[in-house]
C-alpha cells in the first residue's frame, strides 16, 4: 500500500489500467475503486467492503461514453456533469462492466465528479468503480485516518487530499422521463 499526497496523473492512470485498488478523493467524499472491467479487482472491493449484493457506482470516462452506452431519457441531467451527482441509468449493452459491479441488474450508478480523479479516469478510457470507502452500512469517510485498517491494508494506492468537507453525491434515478431522488 502506497499513501501519497502527490498527484501524478500518469501513475494513477497506470494504476487504474492495472486493476489496482485505489482510495481516492472526489468532489464529495473519499471513495474506493478500481478498473470496472476487471472481475478480480471488483470482486476484491466487494470482499473488502463486506458488500455482497448492493451495486457499485462507476466514474464514467466521459459524457460521450455515457450517451453511447446508456439509455438517456432526459439529456439535461447529463449536462450537469461533472458534479456531485450519481445518475442511475439503464445500460444499452450487456457486459459493459464486470458482472460484480451490479450482480442483479443492467442498471448502473454513473458519476463524473468535479475533481481531478475524473481526469485520470478519462485518460484511462475505462469505467472506474466508485463506491464510498467505508465498510457497508457504516458512516462515509472524509479523511484518511478514518479509513478502517481492514480496508486500508487491502489497497494498492491511497491518494490523500486531506480532510474533505462534503457530503455523498445526490443519487437520481433517471431510468424514467421524470427523475426520482433516491438519496440526498
Protein backbone atom coordinates (compact mmCIF):
# COMPACT_ATOMS: atom_id res chain seq x y z
CA UNK A 1 0.00 0.00 0.00
CA UNK A 2 1.29 3.42 -1.00
CA UNK A 3 -0.12 6.57 0.62
CA UNK A 4 0.65 9.76 -1.29
CA UNK A 5 -0.32 13.41 -1.31
CA UNK A 6 1.37 13.86 -4.70
CA UNK A 7 -0.91 13.75 -7.72
CA UNK A 8 0.92 12.08 -10.60
CA UNK A 9 -1.82 11.56 -13.18
CA UNK A 10 0.31 9.32 -15.41
CA UNK A 11 0.98 6.95 -12.49
CA UNK A 12 -2.69 6.97 -11.44
CA UNK A 13 -3.75 6.06 -14.99
CA UNK A 14 -1.28 3.13 -15.00
CA UNK A 15 -2.64 2.03 -11.63
CA UNK A 16 -6.22 2.15 -12.96
CA UNK A 17 -5.35 0.14 -16.07
CA UNK A 18 -3.52 -2.47 -13.94
CA UNK A 19 -6.62 -3.02 -11.82
CA UNK A 20 -5.12 -1.68 -8.59
CA UNK A 21 -7.43 -0.99 -5.66
CA UNK A 22 -7.31 2.78 -5.09
CA UNK A 23 -8.67 5.01 -2.32
CA UNK A 24 -9.25 8.47 -3.77
CA UNK A 25 -10.81 11.87 -3.01
CA UNK A 26 -13.70 13.28 -5.05
CA UNK A 27 -15.82 16.42 -5.03
CA UNK A 28 -17.90 14.70 -2.33
CA UNK A 29 -16.21 12.12 -0.04
CA UNK A 30 -13.40 9.56 -0.21
CA UNK A 31 -14.07 6.56 -2.40
CA UNK A 32 -12.51 3.22 -3.16
CA UNK A 33 -12.36 1.96 -6.70
CA UNK A 34 -10.70 0.03 -9.47
CA UNK A 35 -10.96 -0.62 -13.19
CA UNK A 36 -14.62 -1.66 -13.56
CA UNK A 37 -13.71 -4.12 -16.34
CA UNK A 38 -11.50 -6.38 -14.19
CA UNK A 39 -13.55 -9.02 -12.36
CA UNK A 40 -10.89 -9.89 -9.77
CA UNK A 41 -10.43 -6.24 -8.75
CA UNK A 42 -14.16 -5.52 -8.44
CA UNK A 43 -14.65 -8.76 -6.51
CA UNK A 44 -11.84 -7.77 -4.14
CA UNK A 45 -13.59 -4.47 -3.36
CA UNK A 46 -16.79 -6.41 -2.59
CA UNK A 47 -14.82 -8.56 -0.13
CA UNK A 48 -13.00 -5.60 1.45
CA UNK A 49 -16.24 -3.63 1.97
CA UNK A 50 -18.21 -6.72 3.07
CA UNK A 51 -20.81 -5.78 0.49
CA UNK A 52 -22.49 -8.79 -1.05
CA UNK A 53 -25.20 -7.65 -3.45
CA UNK A 54 -25.67 -3.87 -3.34
CA UNK A 55 -24.46 -2.38 -6.65
CA UNK A 56 -21.40 -0.18 -7.02
CA UNK A 57 -21.39 3.09 -8.94
CA UNK A 58 -18.80 3.93 -11.55
CA UNK A 59 -16.98 7.01 -12.71
CA UNK A 60 -17.53 7.23 -16.46
CA UNK A 61 -14.54 8.10 -18.65
CA UNK A 62 -16.62 10.77 -20.46
CA UNK A 63 -20.12 12.11 -21.15
CA UNK A 64 -19.81 10.65 -24.63
CA UNK A 65 -19.19 7.20 -23.11
CA UNK A 66 -22.38 7.64 -21.07
CA UNK A 67 -24.53 8.65 -24.05
CA UNK A 68 -23.15 5.80 -26.17
CA UNK A 69 -23.67 3.10 -23.54
CA UNK A 70 -26.84 4.10 -21.66
CA UNK A 71 -30.49 4.84 -22.38
CA UNK A 72 -30.92 8.54 -21.59
CA UNK A 73 -34.45 9.86 -21.41
CA UNK A 74 -33.53 13.40 -20.35
CA UNK A 75 -30.15 14.70 -21.60
CA UNK A 76 -30.39 17.85 -19.46
CA UNK A 77 -29.16 15.86 -16.47
CA UNK A 78 -26.02 14.68 -18.28
CA UNK A 79 -25.19 18.36 -18.90
CA UNK A 80 -24.88 18.79 -15.10
CA UNK A 81 -21.74 16.63 -15.15
CA UNK A 82 -19.15 16.92 -13.79
CA UNK A 83 -20.70 17.43 -10.38
CA UNK A 84 -21.81 15.83 -7.09
CA UNK A 85 -24.38 13.53 -8.72
CA UNK A 86 -24.79 9.82 -9.29
CA UNK A 87 -27.28 9.00 -12.04
CA UNK A 88 -28.90 5.58 -12.22
CA UNK A 89 -29.23 4.62 -15.87
CA UNK A 90 -30.09 1.50 -17.86
CA UNK A 91 -27.23 0.13 -19.95
CA UNK A 92 -27.81 -0.41 -23.67
CA UNK A 93 -25.36 -3.32 -23.77
CA UNK A 94 -24.67 -6.36 -21.61
CA UNK A 95 -21.19 -6.88 -20.19
CA UNK A 96 -20.42 -3.16 -20.19
CA UNK A 97 -18.58 -3.62 -16.88
CA UNK A 98 -17.63 -6.57 -14.68
CA UNK A 99 -20.61 -8.65 -13.55
CA UNK A 100 -19.53 -7.88 -9.96
CA UNK A 101 -20.31 -4.15 -10.31
CA UNK A 102 -24.06 -4.84 -10.25
CA UNK A 103 -24.76 -8.56 -9.98
CA UNK A 104 -28.55 -8.27 -10.15
CA UNK A 105 -29.39 -5.67 -12.80
CA UNK A 106 -28.41 -3.97 -16.04
CA UNK A 107 -28.71 -0.55 -14.36
CA UNK A 108 -25.67 1.35 -13.12
CA UNK A 109 -24.98 4.39 -10.98
CA UNK A 110 -22.85 6.74 -13.10
CA UNK A 111 -20.72 9.66 -11.87
CA UNK A 112 -18.28 12.17 -13.25
CA UNK A 113 -17.01 14.03 -10.18
CA UNK A 114 -15.88 17.63 -10.44
CA UNK A 115 -12.43 16.53 -9.32
CA UNK A 116 -9.13 15.61 -10.90
CA UNK A 117 -9.79 11.89 -10.32
CA UNK A 118 -12.27 12.20 -13.22
CA UNK A 119 -9.44 13.43 -15.48
CA UNK A 120 -7.34 10.36 -14.63
CA UNK A 121 -10.32 8.09 -15.39
CA UNK A 122 -10.89 9.94 -18.68
CA UNK A 123 -7.26 9.38 -19.68
CA UNK A 124 -7.52 5.68 -18.80
CA UNK A 125 -10.58 5.41 -21.11
CA UNK A 126 -12.16 2.73 -18.87
CA UNK A 127 -15.07 2.90 -16.41
CA UNK A 128 -13.89 3.03 -12.80
CA UNK A 129 -15.69 1.64 -9.74
CA UNK A 130 -16.51 4.48 -7.34
CA UNK A 131 -18.01 3.47 -4.03
CA UNK A 132 -17.63 5.01 -0.60
CA UNK A 133 -14.56 3.74 1.24
CA UNK A 134 -16.47 2.76 4.39
CA UNK A 135 -17.50 -0.74 5.42
CA UNK A 136 -21.02 -1.48 4.22
CA UNK A 137 -23.59 0.29 6.41
CA UNK A 138 -21.03 2.45 8.29
CA UNK A 139 -20.65 6.27 8.03
CA UNK A 140 -18.90 7.77 4.99
CA UNK A 141 -15.23 8.77 5.19
CA UNK A 142 -14.00 12.37 4.85
CA UNK A 143 -10.35 11.91 5.85
CA UNK A 144 -7.73 9.18 5.53
CA UNK A 145 -7.26 8.42 9.28
CA UNK A 146 -10.97 7.40 9.44
CA UNK A 147 -10.45 4.53 6.98
CA UNK A 148 -10.80 1.14 8.69
CA UNK A 149 -7.47 -0.75 8.78
CA UNK A 150 -9.11 -3.73 7.08
CA UNK A 151 -9.76 -1.55 4.03
CA UNK A 152 -6.50 0.44 4.04
CA UNK A 153 -4.33 -2.69 4.28
CA UNK A 154 -6.04 -4.23 1.24
CA UNK A 155 -5.45 -1.33 -1.14
CA UNK A 156 -2.62 -0.63 -3.53
CA UNK A 157 -2.75 3.17 -3.54
CA UNK A 158 -4.23 5.84 -1.25
CA UNK A 159 -4.48 9.36 -2.66
CA UNK A 160 -4.60 11.70 0.36
CA UNK A 161 -6.07 15.16 -0.22
CA UNK A 162 -6.54 15.88 3.47
CA UNK A 163 -9.96 16.35 5.10
CA UNK A 164 -12.94 16.73 2.75
CA UNK A 165 -15.83 18.89 3.92
CA UNK A 166 -18.54 17.50 1.65
CA UNK A 167 -21.44 15.05 1.69
CA UNK A 168 -22.01 11.97 -0.52
CA UNK A 169 -23.34 12.57 -4.03
CA UNK A 170 -27.03 13.06 -4.71
CA UNK A 171 -28.41 9.88 -6.30
CA UNK A 172 -31.02 10.37 -9.03
CA UNK A 173 -32.82 7.56 -10.81
CA UNK A 174 -33.03 8.65 -14.46
CA UNK A 175 -34.47 5.45 -15.91
CA UNK A 176 -37.83 7.20 -16.45
CA UNK A 177 -38.69 10.55 -18.04
CA UNK A 178 -39.16 12.11 -14.58
CA UNK A 179 -36.09 11.95 -12.31
CA UNK A 180 -36.55 10.39 -8.89
CA UNK A 181 -34.30 11.36 -5.97
CA UNK A 182 -33.05 8.19 -4.29
CA UNK A 183 -30.66 9.74 -1.78
CA UNK A 184 -29.85 13.31 -0.92
